[in-house]
Amino acid sequence: MMTLKVNGLYHEIDADPETPLLYILRDDIKLNAAKFGCGLGQCGSCTVIVDGNAVLSCVTPLLLLEGKQVTTLEGLGTPEAPAPIQRAFIEEQAVQCGYCIAGMMMRAQALLQRNSKPTDEQIRAELEPHLCRCGTHMRILRAVHRAIRLMDTADASASTQGSAP
């Protein structure tokens, strides 16, 4: 038995320690944003964030996650209040089939947590491990830039609300 923290909630997991995180997320915790693509860590569809780093959940065994924070796309925002990265992908219409996009959003989110002003080259390098055949790459790039602006606006609003007159 292991305790796994996902999206801020603790889950008691009774599984083989070698079980890939992806299976735990989808089968046990019933979170389905991370997708099974290749099962070999080569497509990026299963990307989640673990302690601030983008990881491929299909090749990350449960035993490596004790005491760590796992964040999935479901943990970033809600349909009613999407996170800036989610809102930006919607507003830029960066999604076609949607299969790889959750992983791309998670990798972009991890990048923006480390670097709030990445260059186009840094964004492209970060998203390079993802396989996508839809052809929305320029919209995805625009969505990441829009997320940066949305985060800046949210940060500015938070800082002005925090100062008393």
N, C-alpha and C. Protein backbone atom coordinates (compact mmCIF):
# COMPACT_ATOMS: atom_id res chain seq x y z
N MET A 1 0.85 -1.18 0.00
CA MET A 1 0.00 0.00 0.00
C MET A 1 0.89 1.23 0.00
N MET A 2 0.51 2.20 -0.84
CA MET A 2 1.28 3.43 -0.95
C MET A 2 0.32 4.61 -1.01
N THR A 3 0.76 5.73 -0.44
CA THR A 3 -0.03 6.96 -0.53
C THR A 3 0.55 7.80 -1.66
N LEU A 4 -0.30 8.21 -2.56
CA LEU A 4 0.10 9.00 -3.72
C LEU A 4 -0.68 10.31 -3.68
N LYS A 5 0.04 11.44 -3.79
CA LYS A 5 -0.60 12.75 -3.80
C LYS A 5 -0.76 13.20 -5.24
N VAL A 6 -2.01 13.33 -5.67
CA VAL A 6 -2.33 13.74 -7.04
C VAL A 6 -3.29 14.92 -6.98
N ASN A 7 -2.89 16.00 -7.62
CA ASN A 7 -3.71 17.21 -7.67
C ASN A 7 -4.13 17.67 -6.28
N GLY A 8 -3.22 17.51 -5.32
CA GLY A 8 -3.46 17.98 -3.96
C GLY A 8 -4.23 17.02 -3.08
N LEU A 9 -4.70 15.91 -3.62
CA LEU A 9 -5.45 14.93 -2.84
C LEU A 9 -4.62 13.67 -2.64
N TYR A 10 -4.77 13.05 -1.48
CA TYR A 10 -4.04 11.82 -1.18
C TYR A 10 -4.90 10.61 -1.55
N HIS A 11 -4.24 9.62 -2.16
CA HIS A 11 -4.91 8.39 -2.58
C HIS A 11 -4.11 7.21 -2.06
N GLU A 12 -4.80 6.27 -1.45
CA GLU A 12 -4.18 5.02 -1.02
C GLU A 12 -4.20 4.06 -2.21
N ILE A 13 -3.03 3.67 -2.65
CA ILE A 13 -2.90 2.83 -3.85
C ILE A 13 -2.35 1.47 -3.44
N ASP A 14 -3.06 0.44 -3.83
CA ASP A 14 -2.62 -0.93 -3.59
C ASP A 14 -2.29 -1.53 -4.96
N ALA A 15 -1.04 -1.39 -5.36
CA ALA A 15 -0.62 -1.87 -6.68
C ALA A 15 0.85 -2.27 -6.61
N ASP A 16 1.26 -3.04 -7.57
CA ASP A 16 2.66 -3.42 -7.71
C ASP A 16 3.48 -2.13 -7.84
N PRO A 17 4.58 -1.99 -7.10
CA PRO A 17 5.40 -0.78 -7.17
C PRO A 17 5.95 -0.48 -8.56
N GLU A 18 5.99 -1.48 -9.43
CA GLU A 18 6.49 -1.28 -10.79
C GLU A 18 5.40 -0.79 -11.76
N THR A 19 4.16 -0.69 -11.27
CA THR A 19 3.06 -0.25 -12.12
C THR A 19 3.31 1.17 -12.61
N PRO A 20 3.17 1.41 -13.91
CA PRO A 20 3.34 2.77 -14.42
C PRO A 20 2.29 3.72 -13.85
N LEU A 21 2.72 4.93 -13.55
CA LEU A 21 1.83 5.96 -13.02
C LEU A 21 0.59 6.14 -13.89
N LEU A 22 0.74 6.08 -15.20
CA LEU A 22 -0.39 6.27 -16.11
C LEU A 22 -1.54 5.33 -15.77
N TYR A 23 -1.24 4.07 -15.49
CA TYR A 23 -2.29 3.10 -15.19
C TYR A 23 -3.00 3.45 -13.87
N ILE A 24 -2.23 3.92 -12.90
CA ILE A 24 -2.81 4.31 -11.61
C ILE A 24 -3.74 5.51 -11.81
N LEU A 25 -3.27 6.50 -12.57
CA LEU A 25 -4.08 7.69 -12.81
C LEU A 25 -5.40 7.34 -13.49
N ARG A 26 -5.32 6.55 -14.54
CA ARG A 26 -6.51 6.26 -15.35
C ARG A 26 -7.40 5.20 -14.70
N ASP A 27 -6.82 4.11 -14.22
CA ASP A 27 -7.61 2.98 -13.74
C ASP A 27 -8.04 3.09 -12.28
N ASP A 28 -7.14 3.58 -11.42
CA ASP A 28 -7.44 3.63 -10.00
C ASP A 28 -8.05 4.96 -9.56
N ILE A 29 -7.46 6.06 -10.03
CA ILE A 29 -7.91 7.38 -9.59
C ILE A 29 -8.97 7.95 -10.53
N LYS A 30 -9.11 7.37 -11.70
CA LYS A 30 -10.14 7.74 -12.69
C LYS A 30 -9.93 9.14 -13.27
N LEU A 31 -8.67 9.50 -13.48
CA LEU A 31 -8.33 10.74 -14.18
C LEU A 31 -7.92 10.34 -15.59
N ASN A 32 -8.52 10.94 -16.60
CA ASN A 32 -8.27 10.44 -17.95
C ASN A 32 -7.62 11.43 -18.91
N ALA A 33 -7.11 12.57 -18.42
CA ALA A 33 -6.46 13.52 -19.33
C ALA A 33 -5.17 12.94 -19.90
N ALA A 34 -4.35 12.33 -19.06
CA ALA A 34 -3.13 11.69 -19.56
C ALA A 34 -3.54 10.48 -20.39
N LYS A 35 -3.03 10.41 -21.60
CA LYS A 35 -3.44 9.36 -22.53
C LYS A 35 -2.37 8.30 -22.71
N PHE A 36 -2.82 7.07 -22.99
CA PHE A 36 -1.90 6.01 -23.39
C PHE A 36 -1.68 6.17 -24.89
N GLY A 37 -0.47 6.51 -25.26
CA GLY A 37 -0.14 6.66 -26.68
C GLY A 37 0.70 5.48 -27.12
N CYS A 38 1.98 5.56 -26.83
CA CYS A 38 2.90 4.52 -27.29
C CYS A 38 3.24 3.52 -26.18
N GLY A 39 3.16 3.93 -24.94
CA GLY A 39 3.54 3.05 -23.83
C GLY A 39 5.04 2.90 -23.68
N LEU A 40 5.81 3.65 -24.47
CA LEU A 40 7.27 3.54 -24.46
C LEU A 40 7.97 4.85 -24.11
N GLY A 41 7.21 5.87 -23.75
CA GLY A 41 7.80 7.17 -23.43
C GLY A 41 8.31 7.90 -24.66
N GLN A 42 7.70 7.66 -25.81
CA GLN A 42 8.19 8.28 -27.04
C GLN A 42 7.21 9.27 -27.67
N CYS A 43 5.98 9.39 -27.16
CA CYS A 43 5.02 10.27 -27.84
C CYS A 43 4.60 11.47 -27.02
N GLY A 44 4.67 11.40 -25.69
CA GLY A 44 4.34 12.53 -24.84
C GLY A 44 2.89 12.65 -24.43
N SER A 45 2.01 11.80 -24.93
CA SER A 45 0.59 11.92 -24.63
C SER A 45 0.26 11.71 -23.16
N CYS A 46 1.14 11.06 -22.44
CA CYS A 46 0.90 10.72 -21.04
C CYS A 46 1.58 11.68 -20.07
N THR A 47 2.10 12.80 -20.55
CA THR A 47 2.89 13.70 -19.71
C THR A 47 2.07 14.30 -18.57
N VAL A 48 2.66 14.26 -17.38
CA VAL A 48 2.12 14.90 -16.18
C VAL A 48 3.28 15.65 -15.52
N ILE A 49 2.99 16.38 -14.48
CA ILE A 49 4.03 17.10 -13.75
C ILE A 49 4.24 16.42 -12.40
N VAL A 50 5.49 16.11 -12.09
CA VAL A 50 5.85 15.55 -10.79
C VAL A 50 6.86 16.49 -10.16
N ASP A 51 6.48 17.06 -9.03
CA ASP A 51 7.33 18.03 -8.33
C ASP A 51 7.91 19.07 -9.28
N GLY A 52 7.08 19.59 -10.17
CA GLY A 52 7.48 20.67 -11.05
C GLY A 52 8.13 20.26 -12.36
N ASN A 53 8.37 18.97 -12.54
CA ASN A 53 9.02 18.48 -13.76
C ASN A 53 8.05 17.67 -14.61
N ALA A 54 8.10 17.89 -15.92
CA ALA A 54 7.29 17.10 -16.84
C ALA A 54 7.87 15.69 -16.90
N VAL A 55 7.01 14.70 -16.70
CA VAL A 55 7.45 13.30 -16.76
C VAL A 55 6.47 12.50 -17.62
N LEU A 56 6.97 11.45 -18.20
CA LEU A 56 6.16 10.54 -19.02
C LEU A 56 5.59 9.47 -18.08
N SER A 57 4.30 9.55 -17.83
CA SER A 57 3.71 8.67 -16.82
C SER A 57 3.63 7.22 -17.26
N CYS A 58 3.75 6.94 -18.56
CA CYS A 58 3.69 5.55 -19.01
C CYS A 58 4.96 4.77 -18.67
N VAL A 59 6.04 5.46 -18.38
CA VAL A 59 7.30 4.79 -18.05
C VAL A 59 7.81 5.17 -16.66
N THR A 60 6.97 5.81 -15.86
CA THR A 60 7.35 6.19 -14.50
C THR A 60 6.68 5.25 -13.52
N PRO A 61 7.45 4.38 -12.87
CA PRO A 61 6.84 3.42 -11.96
C PRO A 61 6.39 4.09 -10.65
N LEU A 62 5.34 3.55 -10.09
CA LEU A 62 4.76 4.03 -8.85
C LEU A 62 5.82 4.17 -7.75
N LEU A 63 6.77 3.27 -7.68
CA LEU A 63 7.75 3.26 -6.60
C LEU A 63 8.60 4.53 -6.55
N LEU A 64 8.68 5.29 -7.63
CA LEU A 64 9.47 6.52 -7.64
C LEU A 64 8.70 7.74 -7.16
N LEU A 65 7.45 7.56 -6.76
CA LEU A 65 6.58 8.70 -6.50
C LEU A 65 6.22 8.93 -5.05
N GLU A 66 6.71 8.10 -4.16
CA GLU A 66 6.43 8.26 -2.73
C GLU A 66 6.87 9.65 -2.27
N GLY A 67 5.94 10.39 -1.66
CA GLY A 67 6.24 11.72 -1.12
C GLY A 67 6.32 12.83 -2.16
N LYS A 68 5.96 12.54 -3.40
CA LYS A 68 6.02 13.56 -4.45
C LYS A 68 4.63 14.03 -4.82
N GLN A 69 4.56 15.23 -5.39
CA GLN A 69 3.30 15.81 -5.84
C GLN A 69 3.14 15.57 -7.33
N VAL A 70 2.07 14.90 -7.71
CA VAL A 70 1.74 14.65 -9.11
C VAL A 70 0.61 15.60 -9.49
N THR A 71 0.78 16.28 -10.62
CA THR A 71 -0.27 17.16 -11.13
C THR A 71 -0.64 16.72 -12.53
N THR A 72 -1.92 16.55 -12.75
CA THR A 72 -2.44 16.20 -14.07
C THR A 72 -3.18 17.42 -14.62
N LEU A 73 -3.60 17.35 -15.85
CA LEU A 73 -4.34 18.45 -16.45
C LEU A 73 -5.58 18.79 -15.63
N GLU A 74 -6.22 17.77 -15.06
CA GLU A 74 -7.41 18.00 -14.24
C GLU A 74 -7.09 18.85 -13.01
N GLY A 75 -5.84 18.84 -12.57
CA GLY A 75 -5.44 19.59 -11.39
C GLY A 75 -5.09 21.04 -11.65
N LEU A 76 -5.06 21.45 -12.91
CA LEU A 76 -4.70 22.83 -13.22
C LEU A 76 -5.89 23.78 -13.12
N GLY A 77 -7.04 23.36 -13.57
CA GLY A 77 -8.23 24.21 -13.57
C GLY A 77 -9.47 23.37 -13.78
N THR A 78 -10.59 24.05 -13.91
CA THR A 78 -11.87 23.37 -14.12
C THR A 78 -12.49 23.91 -15.41
N PRO A 79 -13.52 23.26 -15.92
CA PRO A 79 -14.20 23.81 -17.09
C PRO A 79 -14.74 25.23 -16.83
N GLU A 80 -15.18 25.48 -15.62
CA GLU A 80 -15.71 26.79 -15.27
C GLU A 80 -14.60 27.82 -15.05
N ALA A 81 -13.46 27.39 -14.57
CA ALA A 81 -12.34 28.29 -14.28
C ALA A 81 -11.04 27.64 -14.77
N PRO A 82 -10.83 27.63 -16.09
CA PRO A 82 -9.62 26.99 -16.60
C PRO A 82 -8.35 27.76 -16.20
N ALA A 83 -7.28 27.02 -16.05
CA ALA A 83 -5.97 27.63 -15.78
C ALA A 83 -5.55 28.42 -17.02
N PRO A 84 -4.64 29.37 -16.87
CA PRO A 84 -4.21 30.15 -18.03
C PRO A 84 -3.77 29.29 -19.22
N ILE A 85 -3.04 28.22 -18.99
CA ILE A 85 -2.59 27.38 -20.12
C ILE A 85 -3.78 26.73 -20.81
N GLN A 86 -4.75 26.28 -20.04
CA GLN A 86 -5.95 25.67 -20.62
C GLN A 86 -6.76 26.70 -21.40
N ARG A 87 -6.96 27.86 -20.80
CA ARG A 87 -7.70 28.93 -21.46
C ARG A 87 -7.03 29.35 -22.76
N ALA A 88 -5.71 29.46 -22.73
CA ALA A 88 -4.97 29.88 -23.92
C ALA A 88 -5.11 28.86 -25.05
N PHE A 89 -5.04 27.57 -24.75
CA PHE A 89 -5.20 26.56 -25.78
C PHE A 89 -6.61 26.59 -26.37
N ILE A 90 -7.61 26.88 -25.54
CA ILE A 90 -8.98 27.01 -26.03
C ILE A 90 -9.10 28.24 -26.92
N GLU A 91 -8.62 29.36 -26.43
CA GLU A 91 -8.77 30.62 -27.17
C GLU A 91 -8.01 30.61 -28.50
N GLU A 92 -6.89 29.93 -28.56
CA GLU A 92 -6.11 29.84 -29.80
C GLU A 92 -6.56 28.69 -30.70
N GLN A 93 -7.56 27.93 -30.24
CA GLN A 93 -8.04 26.76 -30.98
C GLN A 93 -6.87 25.86 -31.38
N ALA A 94 -6.03 25.57 -30.39
CA ALA A 94 -4.81 24.81 -30.62
C ALA A 94 -5.03 23.31 -30.62
N VAL A 95 -6.26 22.88 -30.49
CA VAL A 95 -6.56 21.46 -30.39
C VAL A 95 -7.31 21.00 -31.64
N GLN A 96 -6.90 19.85 -32.16
CA GLN A 96 -7.72 19.21 -33.19
C GLN A 96 -8.25 17.91 -32.62
N CYS A 97 -7.49 16.84 -32.71
CA CYS A 97 -8.02 15.57 -32.19
C CYS A 97 -7.99 15.53 -30.67
N GLY A 98 -7.06 16.25 -30.06
CA GLY A 98 -7.00 16.34 -28.61
C GLY A 98 -6.21 15.24 -27.93
N TYR A 99 -5.73 14.26 -28.67
CA TYR A 99 -5.07 13.13 -28.02
C TYR A 99 -3.76 13.53 -27.34
N CYS A 100 -2.94 14.30 -28.01
CA CYS A 100 -1.63 14.66 -27.46
C CYS A 100 -1.66 15.95 -26.66
N ILE A 101 -2.73 16.71 -26.75
CA ILE A 101 -2.73 18.08 -26.27
C ILE A 101 -2.61 18.19 -24.75
N ALA A 102 -3.20 17.27 -24.00
CA ALA A 102 -3.07 17.33 -22.54
C ALA A 102 -1.60 17.22 -22.14
N GLY A 103 -0.89 16.33 -22.78
CA GLY A 103 0.54 16.19 -22.49
C GLY A 103 1.31 17.44 -22.87
N MET A 104 0.96 18.04 -24.00
CA MET A 104 1.63 19.28 -24.41
C MET A 104 1.35 20.40 -23.42
N MET A 105 0.10 20.51 -22.98
CA MET A 105 -0.22 21.55 -22.00
C MET A 105 0.56 21.35 -20.71
N MET A 106 0.70 20.10 -20.29
CA MET A 106 1.43 19.83 -19.05
C MET A 106 2.91 20.16 -19.21
N ARG A 107 3.49 19.82 -20.34
CA ARG A 107 4.90 20.14 -20.57
C ARG A 107 5.09 21.65 -20.66
N ALA A 108 4.16 22.35 -21.33
CA ALA A 108 4.23 23.81 -21.40
C ALA A 108 4.06 24.43 -20.02
N GLN A 109 3.16 23.90 -19.22
CA GLN A 109 2.96 24.39 -17.86
C GLN A 109 4.23 24.23 -17.03
N ALA A 110 4.88 23.09 -17.13
CA ALA A 110 6.12 22.87 -16.39
C ALA A 110 7.19 23.87 -16.83
N LEU A 111 7.26 24.13 -18.14
CA LEU A 111 8.22 25.12 -18.65
C LEU A 111 7.92 26.50 -18.07
N LEU A 112 6.66 26.91 -18.09
CA LEU A 112 6.30 28.24 -17.61
C LEU A 112 6.49 28.38 -16.10
N GLN A 113 6.44 27.28 -15.37
CA GLN A 113 6.73 27.33 -13.94
C GLN A 113 8.21 27.57 -13.69
N ARG A 114 9.05 27.09 -14.60
CA ARG A 114 10.51 27.28 -14.48
C ARG A 114 10.96 28.59 -15.10
N ASN A 115 10.31 28.99 -16.19
CA ASN A 115 10.74 30.12 -17.00
C ASN A 115 9.50 30.86 -17.47
N SER A 116 9.21 31.98 -16.86
CA SER A 116 7.97 32.70 -17.18
C SER A 116 8.02 33.46 -18.50
N LYS A 117 9.19 33.55 -19.11
CA LYS A 117 9.33 34.27 -20.38
C LYS A 117 10.19 33.48 -21.38
N PRO A 118 9.77 32.27 -21.73
CA PRO A 118 10.59 31.49 -22.66
C PRO A 118 10.54 32.06 -24.08
N THR A 119 11.60 31.82 -24.81
CA THR A 119 11.65 32.21 -26.22
C THR A 119 10.93 31.15 -27.06
N ASP A 120 10.66 31.49 -28.32
CA ASP A 120 10.08 30.51 -29.23
C ASP A 120 10.95 29.26 -29.28
N GLU A 121 12.25 29.44 -29.33
CA GLU A 121 13.17 28.30 -29.41
C GLU A 121 13.07 27.42 -28.17
N GLN A 122 12.94 28.05 -26.99
CA GLN A 122 12.82 27.27 -25.75
C GLN A 122 11.49 26.52 -25.71
N ILE A 123 10.43 27.16 -26.17
CA ILE A 123 9.12 26.49 -26.20
C ILE A 123 9.17 25.30 -27.16
N ARG A 124 9.71 25.53 -28.34
CA ARG A 124 9.82 24.44 -29.32
C ARG A 124 10.66 23.28 -28.79
N ALA A 125 11.77 23.60 -28.14
CA ALA A 125 12.64 22.56 -27.59
C ALA A 125 11.91 21.77 -26.50
N GLU A 126 11.14 22.47 -25.68
CA GLU A 126 10.40 21.81 -24.60
C GLU A 126 9.33 20.88 -25.16
N LEU A 127 8.65 21.30 -26.21
CA LEU A 127 7.56 20.50 -26.77
C LEU A 127 8.01 19.48 -27.80
N GLU A 128 9.27 19.50 -28.15
CA GLU A 128 9.82 18.62 -29.19
C GLU A 128 9.57 17.13 -28.94
N PRO A 129 9.58 16.65 -27.70
CA PRO A 129 9.33 15.21 -27.50
C PRO A 129 7.92 14.75 -27.85
N HIS A 130 7.00 15.68 -28.07
CA HIS A 130 5.61 15.30 -28.33
C HIS A 130 5.37 15.03 -29.81
N LEU A 131 4.70 13.93 -30.07
CA LEU A 131 4.30 13.60 -31.43
C LEU A 131 2.88 14.09 -31.64
N CYS A 132 2.69 14.88 -32.69
CA CYS A 132 1.37 15.40 -33.03
C CYS A 132 1.26 15.43 -34.53
N ARG A 133 0.18 14.88 -35.05
CA ARG A 133 -0.01 14.82 -36.50
C ARG A 133 -1.08 15.78 -36.98
N CYS A 134 -1.66 16.58 -36.09
CA CYS A 134 -2.79 17.43 -36.47
C CYS A 134 -2.37 18.68 -37.23
N GLY A 135 -1.16 19.11 -37.07
CA GLY A 135 -0.71 20.29 -37.80
C GLY A 135 -1.08 21.61 -37.15
N THR A 136 -1.31 21.63 -35.85
CA THR A 136 -1.65 22.88 -35.17
C THR A 136 -0.44 23.47 -34.44
N HIS A 137 0.73 23.14 -34.87
CA HIS A 137 1.94 23.55 -34.16
C HIS A 137 2.06 25.05 -33.97
N MET A 138 1.70 25.84 -34.97
CA MET A 138 1.78 27.30 -34.82
C MET A 138 0.74 27.80 -33.83
N ARG A 139 -0.43 27.18 -33.81
CA ARG A 139 -1.45 27.57 -32.83
C ARG A 139 -1.01 27.19 -31.42
N ILE A 140 -0.34 26.06 -31.30
CA ILE A 140 0.18 25.63 -29.99
C ILE A 140 1.21 26.65 -29.50
N LEU A 141 2.10 27.06 -30.35
CA LEU A 141 3.10 28.07 -30.00
C LEU A 141 2.40 29.37 -29.57
N ARG A 142 1.40 29.80 -30.33
CA ARG A 142 0.64 31.01 -29.97
C ARG A 142 -0.07 30.83 -28.63
N ALA A 143 -0.57 29.63 -28.38
CA ALA A 143 -1.26 29.37 -27.12
C ALA A 143 -0.32 29.50 -25.93
N VAL A 144 0.91 29.02 -26.07
CA VAL A 144 1.87 29.16 -24.97
C VAL A 144 2.17 30.63 -24.73
N HIS A 145 2.33 31.39 -25.78
CA HIS A 145 2.55 32.84 -25.63
C HIS A 145 1.33 33.53 -25.01
N ARG A 146 0.15 33.11 -25.39
CA ARG A 146 -1.07 33.68 -24.79
C ARG A 146 -1.12 33.33 -23.30
N ALA A 147 -0.74 32.11 -22.95
CA ALA A 147 -0.73 31.70 -21.54
C ALA A 147 0.23 32.59 -20.74
N ILE A 148 1.36 32.93 -21.34
CA ILE A 148 2.32 33.83 -20.67
C ILE A 148 1.64 35.16 -20.37
N ARG A 149 0.94 35.72 -21.35
CA ARG A 149 0.23 37.00 -21.15
C ARG A 149 -0.86 36.86 -20.09
N LEU A 150 -1.61 35.76 -20.14
CA LEU A 150 -2.66 35.55 -19.15
C LEU A 150 -2.09 35.42 -17.75
N MET A 151 -0.95 34.73 -17.63
CA MET A 151 -0.31 34.59 -16.32
C MET A 151 0.20 35.94 -15.82
N ASP A 152 0.77 36.74 -16.73
CA ASP A 152 1.24 38.08 -16.36
C ASP A 152 0.07 38.93 -15.86
N THR A 153 -1.07 38.86 -16.55
CA THR A 153 -2.25 39.62 -16.17
C THR A 153 -2.76 39.16 -14.81
N ALA A 154 -2.80 37.85 -14.59
CA ALA A 154 -3.25 37.30 -13.31
C ALA A 154 -2.31 37.72 -12.19
N ASP A 155 -0.99 37.67 -12.45
CA ASP A 155 -0.01 38.08 -11.44
C ASP A 155 -0.16 39.56 -11.11
N ALA A 156 -0.38 40.38 -12.13
CA ALA A 156 -0.54 41.83 -11.91
C ALA A 156 -1.80 42.10 -11.10
N SER A 157 -2.88 41.40 -11.40
CA SER A 157 -4.13 41.58 -10.65
C SER A 157 -3.96 41.16 -9.20
N ALA A 158 -3.27 40.05 -8.99
CA ALA A 158 -3.07 39.53 -7.63
C ALA A 158 -2.22 40.51 -6.81
N SER A 159 -1.20 41.10 -7.44
CA SER A 159 -0.34 42.01 -6.69
C SER A 159 -1.04 43.32 -6.37
N THR A 160 -1.93 43.81 -7.24
CA THR A 160 -2.65 45.05 -6.95
C THR A 160 -3.77 44.81 -5.94
N GLN A 161 -4.33 43.62 -5.92
CA GLN A 161 -5.37 43.31 -4.92
C GLN A 161 -4.75 43.14 -3.55
N GLY A 162 -3.50 42.73 -3.51
CA GLY A 162 -2.82 42.51 -2.23
C GLY A 162 -2.35 43.78 -1.56
N SER A 163 -2.28 44.90 -2.29
CA SER A 163 -1.82 46.15 -1.69
C SER A 163 -3.01 46.97 -1.21
N ALA A 164 -2.96 47.37 0.02
CA ALA A 164 -4.04 48.15 0.61
C ALA A 164 -3.84 49.63 0.32
N PRO A 165 -4.96 50.39 0.13
CA PRO A 165 -4.85 51.83 -0.14
C PRO A 165 -4.43 52.61 1.08
